[in-house]
C-alpha atoms as a PDB file:
ATOM      1  CA  UNK A   1     -13.181  -3.176   8.764  1.00  0.00           C
ATOM      2  CA  UNK A   2     -15.886  -1.440   6.434  1.00  0.00           C
ATOM      3  CA  UNK A   3     -16.072   1.458   8.592  1.00  0.00           C
ATOM      4  CA  UNK A   4     -12.713   2.017   8.536  1.00  0.00           C
ATOM      5  CA  UNK A   5     -10.549   3.923   5.983  1.00  0.00           C
ATOM      6  CA  UNK A   6      -7.569   2.682   3.479  1.00  0.00           C
ATOM      7  CA  UNK A   7      -5.657   4.894   1.532  1.00  0.00           C
ATOM      8  CA  UNK A   8      -3.156   3.634  -0.535  1.00  0.00           C
ATOM      9  CA  UNK A   9      -0.433   6.817  -1.692  1.00  0.00           C
ATOM     10  CA  UNK A  10       0.865   7.587  -4.859  1.00  0.00           C
ATOM     11  CA  UNK A  11       4.685   5.882  -5.708  1.00  0.00           C
ATOM     12  CA  UNK A  12       7.365   7.530  -3.938  1.00  0.00           C
ATOM     13  CA  UNK A  13      10.609   8.291  -6.378  1.00  0.00           C
ATOM     14  CA  UNK A  14      12.296   5.067  -5.120  1.00  0.00           C
ATOM     15  CA  UNK A  15       9.154   3.112  -5.028  1.00  0.00           C
ATOM     16  CA  UNK A  16       6.735   1.775  -2.960  1.00  0.00           C
ATOM     17  CA  UNK A  17       3.509   3.443  -1.869  1.00  0.00           C
ATOM     18  CA  UNK A  18       2.767   4.253   1.905  1.00  0.00           C
ATOM     19  CA  UNK A  19      -0.649   2.426   3.361  1.00  0.00           C
ATOM     20  CA  UNK A  20      -2.715   4.561   5.987  1.00  0.00           C
ATOM     21  CA  UNK A  21      -5.626   3.029   7.802  1.00  0.00           C
ATOM     22  CA  UNK A  22      -7.494   5.588   9.314  1.00  0.00           C
ATOM     23  CA  UNK A  23      -5.224   8.526  11.047  1.00  0.00           C
ATOM     24  CA  UNK A  24      -2.002   5.460  11.172  1.00  0.00           C
ATOM     25  CA  UNK A  25       0.688   4.652   8.778  1.00  0.00           C
ATOM     26  CA  UNK A  26       0.704   1.530   8.214  1.00  0.00           C
ATOM     27  CA  UNK A  27       4.083   1.174   6.163  1.00  0.00           C
ATOM     28  CA  UNK A  28       5.082   1.044   2.642  1.00  0.00           C
ATOM     29  CA  UNK A  29       4.170  -1.561   0.253  1.00  0.00           C
ATOM     30  CA  UNK A  30       6.243  -2.184  -2.656  1.00  0.00           C
ATOM     31  CA  UNK A  31       3.458  -4.824  -3.873  1.00  0.00           C
ATOM     32  CA  UNK A  32      -0.369  -5.967  -3.717  1.00  0.00           C
ATOM     33  CA  UNK A  33       1.074  -8.871  -1.566  1.00  0.00           C
ATOM     34  CA  UNK A  34       3.071  -6.399   1.035  1.00  0.00           C
ATOM     35  CA  UNK A  35      -0.564  -4.404   1.082  1.00  0.00           C
ATOM     36  CA  UNK A  36      -2.634  -7.485   1.867  1.00  0.00           C
ATOM     37  CA  UNK A  37      -0.156  -8.380   4.685  1.00  0.00           C
ATOM     38  CA  UNK A  38      -0.318  -5.186   6.227  1.00  0.00           C
ATOM     39  CA  UNK A  39      -3.857  -5.040   6.024  1.00  0.00           C
ATOM     40  CA  UNK A  40      -4.285  -8.756   7.374  1.00  0.00           C
ATOM     41  CA  UNK A  41      -1.975  -7.562  10.164  1.00  0.00           C
ATOM     42  CA  UNK A  42      -4.524  -4.843  10.953  1.00  0.00           C
ATOM     43  CA  UNK A  43      -7.279  -7.047  10.821  1.00  0.00           C
ATOM     44  CA  UNK A  44      -8.932  -8.084   7.599  1.00  0.00           C
ATOM     45  CA  UNK A  45      -7.532 -11.802   8.371  1.00  0.00           C
ATOM     46  CA  UNK A  46      -9.058 -14.295   5.636  1.00  0.00           C
ATOM     47  CA  UNK A  47      -8.094 -11.602   2.543  1.00  0.00           C
ATOM     48  CA  UNK A  48      -5.962 -12.656  -0.241  1.00  0.00           C
ATOM     49  CA  UNK A  49      -4.370 -10.180  -2.992  1.00  0.00           C
ATOM     50  CA  UNK A  50      -7.548 -10.427  -5.367  1.00  0.00           C
ATOM     51  CA  UNK A  51      -9.536  -9.653  -2.517  1.00  0.00           C
ATOM     52  CA  UNK A  52      -7.634  -6.401  -1.822  1.00  0.00           C
ATOM     53  CA  UNK A  53      -7.441  -5.241  -5.578  1.00  0.00           C
ATOM     54  CA  UNK A  54     -11.101  -5.702  -5.604  1.00  0.00           C
ATOM     55  CA  UNK A  55     -12.234  -4.016  -2.409  1.00  0.00           C
ATOM     56  CA  UNK A  56     -13.969  -1.031  -2.335  1.00  0.00           C
ATOM     57  CA  UNK A  57     -12.607  -0.165   1.404  1.00  0.00           C
ATOM     58  CA  UNK A  58      -9.005   1.233  -0.473  1.00  0.00           C
ATOM     59  CA  UNK A  59      -8.978   4.597  -1.947  1.00  0.00           C
ATOM     60  CA  UNK A  60      -6.377   4.269  -4.356  1.00  0.00           C
ATOM     61  CA  UNK A  61      -4.256   7.435  -5.020  1.00  0.00           C
ATOM     62  CA  UNK A  62      -2.060   7.635  -8.030  1.00  0.00           C
ATOM     63  CA  UNK A  63      -3.012   4.293  -9.609  1.00  0.00           C
ATOM     64  CA  UNK A  64      -4.786   1.161  -8.920  1.00  0.00           C
ATOM     65  CA  UNK A  65      -3.175  -2.177  -7.270  1.00  0.00           C
ATOM     66  CA  UNK A  66      -1.153  -2.622 -10.192  1.00  0.00           C
ATOM     67  CA  UNK A  67       0.842   0.363 -10.157  1.00  0.00           C
ATOM     68  CA  UNK A  68       4.037   0.439  -7.727  1.00  0.00           C
ATOM     69  CA  UNK A  69       6.636   1.938  -9.233  1.00  0.00           C
ATOM     70  CA  UNK A  70       6.934   5.947 -10.106  1.00  0.00           C
END
């Protein structure tokens, strides 16, 4: 997975952040837990929320892993 690019976009006006892996949108995450589930389903098995929050693989736009609402 280290070759892949994960982008978490800024929170939308209604809450939640769109998540992209390479050129594919995985969905809208409303929490760090949601993001973790998306990434586990995409192949990052064994990672928990702390691993995701601290990962250098994720490019955060509009705030880090603690920001989920506008």
